[in-house]
Each structure stands twice: as C-alpha cells, then as structure tokens.
Amino acid sequence: MRTSRLISIVSCHAEGEVGDVIVGGVAPPPGDTLWAQSRFIAADQNLRNFVLNEPRGGVFRHVNLLVPPKNPRAHMGFIIMEPEDTPPMSGSNSICVATVLLDTGIVPMTEPETRLLLEAPGGLVEVVAQCRNGKAERITVTNVPSFAERLDASLEVLDVGTLTVDTAFGGDSFVIADARALGFALGPDEARDPGRNRHPHHPGRQRAARFRASGQPRLDAHLVLPDRGTA
C-alpha cells in the first residue's frame, strides 16, 4: 500500500472517553513552551483536521501528541487535541497518556506503583500508576492548580438576561451558574454559551470551554452542552 503520511497512534480510553496517543510520525511543533506549541497546533489546524475529522476521527475522539518536555523535571510532554478545542489540560487525556507511556514501555514501569511527571500546556501533572503484570491498571493524576476567578459575576446572555455566575479554571475554563436561582431544570434545551474567561498566565485563553449549572442532583439530569461535555 502506498502512503504519503504515516502516523503511529495507540488507542486508549478513560472510562469510555477516547484519548488516543500519537507515539510517532509527527515532529514537535514550533514553540519555546508547551503552551506556545499547543497554540501553533490550534492555529495551524492541519494535524487536528488529519486525526480528529472523519474518516479517521469524529466528535467522540480526542488525540494527544507526545512531545519532549520543556520542564527538565517532566518525563514527557503532551498536547491535547479535542474536537472543539486544544485545551491547557484534560484529566481523562492525562490518564490515557500515562497509560500508553507505561504500557508501551516508553516510560519504564515499576510495579506495583510507578510515579511520573507529565507536562501539559497548562503545567505539570503528577501521576501515580498502580501497575501489575506489565499493565497500568489504575491512574491517579494531580491536576494543574485550579482557582475561582470571579464569584457572583453578572453576565448578560442573549434572550435570557442577566445571570449571576462564577468563573473558574481547573485545567480548562468553566462558567458555573446556580440552576435553582435560575428556575430551570438541568435539561439539554437549556444549555447556553455563557461567555469568556481569562487565565493570568495564558492571555490567549479567553474562552469558557464549558458551562456548569449547579444544583441538587437528579437521577435523570444529564445536560448536554453545545460545545462538548456533560454536567
């Protein structure tokens, strides 16, 4: 078979959320930091389109690119590509990356526990992997620092009016509203794009990737967002 491009990808998922990992065939993108490298991938779109769009991908698929870390403490760096975004950090994708690194032997495995440090565009991620018989069976990650940026902020939403929301960062940007105060149930038809969020160290990160409506849990509540994700 004649091919013009060959990329080696290991398939992986974290509890059903796909987070495949590119292990060969793609050179590290330009940039002095992983954040700058991820911005190149986000703007260039070529790699994203190649691995995320049909026939190789779809809205279900995330793909991670392994790159040499910029921080000398880290064992490996990785850049996350999701269908709608190239985010600073992702919990499920960091689990997938750690699993692939250990299961393929790219990073040596120590049983019964392996500790490693990954570098995401958003910062360093500590990983503890429970391993047995050459397989990483359970992965625990410590996310990048999270913080609440604005509490009880007023946000104007088209066709809704003024909402009182909180904005936060926890590897990605979130807008959180109180469902009870808004007087609605957590339903797919009530999702909205709530606005923008800022990160102090990544000025290009001006969008809120996810909206969360908080409230008392309901067994039948499953909010599907127009961007991606669930709440």
Protein backbone atom coordinates (compact mmCIF):
# COMPACT_ATOMS: atom_id res chain seq x y z
CA MET A 1 0.00 0.00 0.00
CA ARG A 2 1.38 3.38 -0.99
CA THR A 3 1.09 6.10 1.65
CA SER A 4 2.16 9.73 1.76
CA ARG A 5 1.99 10.07 5.54
CA LEU A 6 2.33 7.53 8.34
CA ILE A 7 1.44 8.39 11.95
CA SER A 8 1.64 5.83 14.75
CA ILE A 9 -1.26 6.09 17.20
CA VAL A 10 -2.06 3.94 20.24
CA SER A 11 -5.76 3.72 21.01
CA CYS A 12 -6.78 4.35 24.61
CA HIS A 13 -9.77 5.48 26.63
CA ALA A 14 -10.53 6.54 30.21
CA GLU A 15 -13.89 5.06 31.27
CA GLY A 16 -15.12 5.33 27.70
CA GLU A 17 -13.78 8.79 26.85
CA VAL A 18 -11.40 8.28 23.94
CA GLY A 19 -7.91 9.72 24.35
CA ASP A 20 -5.69 8.20 21.67
CA VAL A 21 -1.98 8.97 21.76
CA ILE A 22 0.35 9.79 18.86
CA VAL A 23 3.63 7.98 19.55
CA GLY A 24 5.40 8.53 16.23
CA GLY A 25 5.31 10.21 12.85
CA VAL A 26 4.74 13.82 13.98
CA ALA A 27 7.58 16.23 14.74
CA PRO A 28 7.20 18.55 17.75
CA PRO A 29 5.58 21.82 16.69
CA PRO A 30 7.50 25.10 16.99
CA GLY A 31 7.37 26.99 20.27
CA ASP A 32 9.50 27.70 23.32
CA THR A 33 6.83 26.37 25.71
CA LEU A 34 4.23 23.64 25.52
CA TRP A 35 1.57 26.35 25.64
CA ALA A 36 3.12 28.03 22.58
CA GLN A 37 3.34 24.66 20.81
CA SER A 38 -0.32 23.98 21.53
CA ARG A 39 -1.25 27.42 20.18
CA PHE A 40 0.59 26.56 16.96
CA ILE A 41 -1.40 23.34 16.59
CA ALA A 42 -4.64 25.16 17.35
CA ALA A 43 -3.95 27.85 14.74
CA ASP A 44 -2.41 25.60 12.09
CA GLN A 45 -5.27 23.03 12.19
CA ASN A 46 -3.51 20.58 9.83
CA LEU A 47 -2.76 17.90 12.42
CA ARG A 48 -6.08 18.45 14.17
CA ASN A 49 -8.01 18.01 10.93
CA PHE A 50 -6.00 14.93 9.98
CA VAL A 51 -6.56 12.96 13.20
CA LEU A 52 -9.86 14.36 14.53
CA ASN A 53 -12.05 14.56 11.44
CA GLU A 54 -13.62 11.73 9.50
CA PRO A 55 -12.67 9.21 8.25
CA ARG A 56 -10.04 8.85 10.99
CA GLY A 57 -11.85 10.69 13.78
CA GLY A 58 -15.14 12.21 14.87
CA VAL A 59 -16.76 14.16 17.68
CA PHE A 60 -16.09 11.24 20.04
CA ARG A 61 -12.32 11.29 19.66
CA HIS A 62 -9.55 13.12 21.49
CA VAL A 63 -5.94 12.73 20.35
CA ASN A 64 -2.78 13.55 22.30
CA LEU A 65 0.61 14.34 20.78
CA LEU A 66 3.68 13.29 22.75
CA VAL A 67 6.42 15.94 22.70
CA PRO A 68 9.71 16.38 24.56
CA PRO A 69 9.02 18.23 27.82
CA LYS A 70 10.27 21.76 28.30
CA ASN A 71 10.49 21.31 32.07
CA PRO A 72 13.51 19.12 32.94
CA ARG A 73 11.58 17.52 35.81
CA ALA A 74 8.96 16.03 33.49
CA HIS A 75 9.21 12.56 31.94
CA MET A 76 7.14 13.53 28.89
CA GLY A 77 5.12 16.39 27.46
CA PHE A 78 1.79 16.09 25.69
CA ILE A 79 -0.54 18.35 23.72
CA ILE A 80 -4.27 17.67 23.84
CA MET A 81 -6.46 17.92 20.76
CA GLU A 82 -10.23 17.75 21.30
CA PRO A 83 -12.91 18.17 18.62
CA GLU A 84 -13.72 21.76 19.61
CA ASP A 85 -10.57 22.87 21.36
CA THR A 86 -6.86 22.48 22.10
CA PRO A 87 -7.08 22.90 25.89
CA PRO A 88 -4.39 23.55 28.52
CA MET A 89 -5.07 20.30 30.39
CA SER A 90 -7.50 17.37 30.47
CA GLY A 91 -7.93 14.81 33.22
CA SER A 92 -9.08 11.93 31.04
CA ASN A 93 -6.42 12.62 28.41
CA SER A 94 -3.65 12.74 31.01
CA ILE A 95 -4.85 9.33 32.24
CA CYS A 96 -4.70 7.98 28.69
CA VAL A 97 -1.25 9.44 28.06
CA ALA A 98 0.14 7.96 31.29
CA THR A 99 -1.38 4.56 30.47
CA VAL A 100 0.09 4.48 26.96
CA LEU A 101 3.52 5.65 28.13
CA LEU A 102 3.71 2.83 30.67
CA ASP A 103 2.00 0.04 28.71
CA THR A 104 4.18 0.60 25.64
CA GLY A 105 7.41 0.93 27.64
CA ILE A 106 8.12 4.49 26.51
CA VAL A 107 8.46 5.30 30.20
CA PRO A 108 9.78 2.41 32.33
CA MET A 109 7.20 0.77 34.60
CA THR A 110 7.85 -0.08 38.24
CA GLU A 111 5.46 -2.48 39.94
CA PRO A 112 3.36 -2.19 41.99
CA GLU A 113 3.50 1.61 41.69
CA THR A 114 5.03 3.99 39.16
CA ARG A 115 5.28 7.72 39.72
CA LEU A 116 5.91 10.10 36.86
CA LEU A 117 5.56 13.75 35.99
CA LEU A 118 3.88 14.88 32.77
CA GLU A 119 3.96 18.35 31.27
CA ALA A 120 0.73 19.59 29.72
CA PRO A 121 0.37 23.00 28.05
CA GLY A 122 -1.23 24.19 31.30
CA GLY A 123 1.57 22.96 33.57
CA LEU A 124 2.96 19.92 35.35
CA VAL A 125 0.75 16.95 36.19
CA GLU A 126 1.74 14.42 38.84
CA VAL A 127 0.81 10.81 38.04
CA VAL A 128 0.65 7.77 40.31
CA ALA A 129 0.02 4.50 38.44
CA GLN A 130 -0.90 1.21 40.08
CA CYS A 131 0.71 -1.46 37.89
CA ARG A 132 0.56 -5.26 37.72
CA ASN A 133 1.86 -7.82 35.24
CA GLY A 134 3.16 -5.15 32.87
CA LYS A 135 -0.12 -3.22 32.77
CA ALA A 136 -1.09 0.14 34.26
CA GLU A 137 -4.36 -0.72 35.96
CA ARG A 138 -5.25 2.45 37.84
CA ILE A 139 -4.08 6.02 37.24
CA THR A 140 -4.32 8.93 39.69
CA VAL A 141 -3.44 12.43 38.50
CA THR A 142 -2.94 15.67 40.39
CA ASN A 143 -4.24 18.43 38.15
CA VAL A 144 -2.66 21.81 37.50
CA PRO A 145 -3.60 24.49 40.07
CA SER A 146 -7.25 25.46 39.97
CA PHE A 147 -8.79 28.72 41.08
CA ALA A 148 -12.01 30.70 41.11
CA GLU A 149 -11.52 33.83 39.04
CA ARG A 150 -14.81 35.65 39.62
CA LEU A 151 -17.60 34.94 42.10
CA ASP A 152 -21.15 36.25 41.74
CA ALA A 153 -20.28 37.96 38.47
CA SER A 154 -23.03 39.44 36.32
CA LEU A 155 -23.23 38.06 32.82
CA GLU A 156 -25.55 39.25 30.07
CA VAL A 157 -26.89 36.39 27.97
CA LEU A 158 -28.86 36.93 24.79
CA ASP A 159 -32.56 36.05 25.18
CA VAL A 160 -32.04 35.21 28.88
CA GLY A 161 -30.97 38.43 30.59
CA THR A 162 -28.53 38.92 33.43
CA LEU A 163 -27.15 35.79 35.10
CA THR A 164 -25.13 35.58 38.30
CA VAL A 165 -22.27 33.19 37.66
CA ASP A 166 -18.90 32.07 38.95
CA THR A 167 -15.93 31.56 36.65
CA ALA A 168 -13.14 29.11 37.42
CA PHE A 169 -10.11 27.38 35.95
CA GLY A 170 -9.25 23.75 36.64
CA GLY A 171 -7.18 22.70 33.65
CA ASP A 172 -9.81 24.32 31.44
CA SER A 173 -12.15 27.30 31.83
CA PHE A 174 -15.61 26.96 33.33
CA VAL A 175 -18.66 29.15 33.93
CA ILE A 176 -20.91 27.93 36.77
CA ALA A 177 -24.47 29.05 37.41
CA ASP A 178 -26.96 28.07 40.13
CA ALA A 179 -29.79 26.19 38.43
CA ARG A 180 -32.17 26.78 41.36
CA ALA A 181 -31.69 30.53 41.26
CA LEU A 182 -32.35 30.47 37.53
CA GLY A 183 -35.54 28.49 38.00
CA PHE A 184 -34.88 25.76 35.45
CA ALA A 185 -34.19 22.04 35.39
CA LEU A 186 -30.95 20.62 34.06
CA GLY A 187 -32.03 19.83 30.52
CA PRO A 188 -30.32 19.79 27.12
CA ASP A 189 -32.53 22.61 25.79
CA GLU A 190 -31.30 24.99 28.49
CA ALA A 191 -27.59 24.99 27.70
CA ARG A 192 -26.10 28.33 26.67
CA ASP A 193 -22.71 29.71 25.73
CA PRO A 194 -22.11 31.85 28.84
CA GLY A 195 -19.18 33.99 27.74
CA ARG A 196 -15.46 34.28 28.23
CA ASN A 197 -12.93 33.56 30.93
CA ARG A 198 -9.34 34.71 31.48
CA HIS A 199 -6.21 32.88 32.62
CA PRO A 200 -3.42 35.02 34.17
CA HIS A 201 -0.53 33.14 32.52
CA HIS A 202 -2.13 32.30 29.15
CA PRO A 203 -3.53 35.56 27.69
CA GLY A 204 -4.70 33.76 24.56
CA ARG A 205 -7.05 31.66 26.69
CA GLN A 206 -10.12 33.93 26.65
CA ARG A 207 -12.99 31.49 26.18
CA ALA A 208 -15.03 29.47 28.62
CA ALA A 209 -14.89 25.92 27.33
CA ARG A 210 -17.67 24.53 29.50
CA PHE A 211 -20.80 25.69 31.26
CA ARG A 212 -21.92 24.11 34.52
CA ALA A 213 -25.33 24.53 36.15
CA SER A 214 -25.10 23.52 39.79
CA GLY A 215 -27.98 22.29 41.90
CA GLN A 216 -29.48 19.33 43.68
CA PRO A 217 -28.68 16.11 41.81
CA ARG A 218 -31.41 14.36 39.86
CA LEU A 219 -31.08 10.81 38.60
CA ASP A 220 -32.48 11.79 35.22
CA ALA A 221 -30.49 15.02 34.85
CA HIS A 222 -27.95 14.91 32.04
CA LEU A 223 -27.08 18.26 30.48
CA VAL A 224 -25.52 18.01 27.01
CA LEU A 225 -23.63 21.18 26.13
CA PRO A 226 -23.49 22.75 22.66
CA ASP A 227 -19.67 22.78 22.92
CA ARG A 228 -18.96 19.36 24.42
CA GLY A 229 -19.11 17.58 27.75
CA THR A 230 -21.76 16.80 30.33
CA ALA A 231 -22.82 18.15 33.68
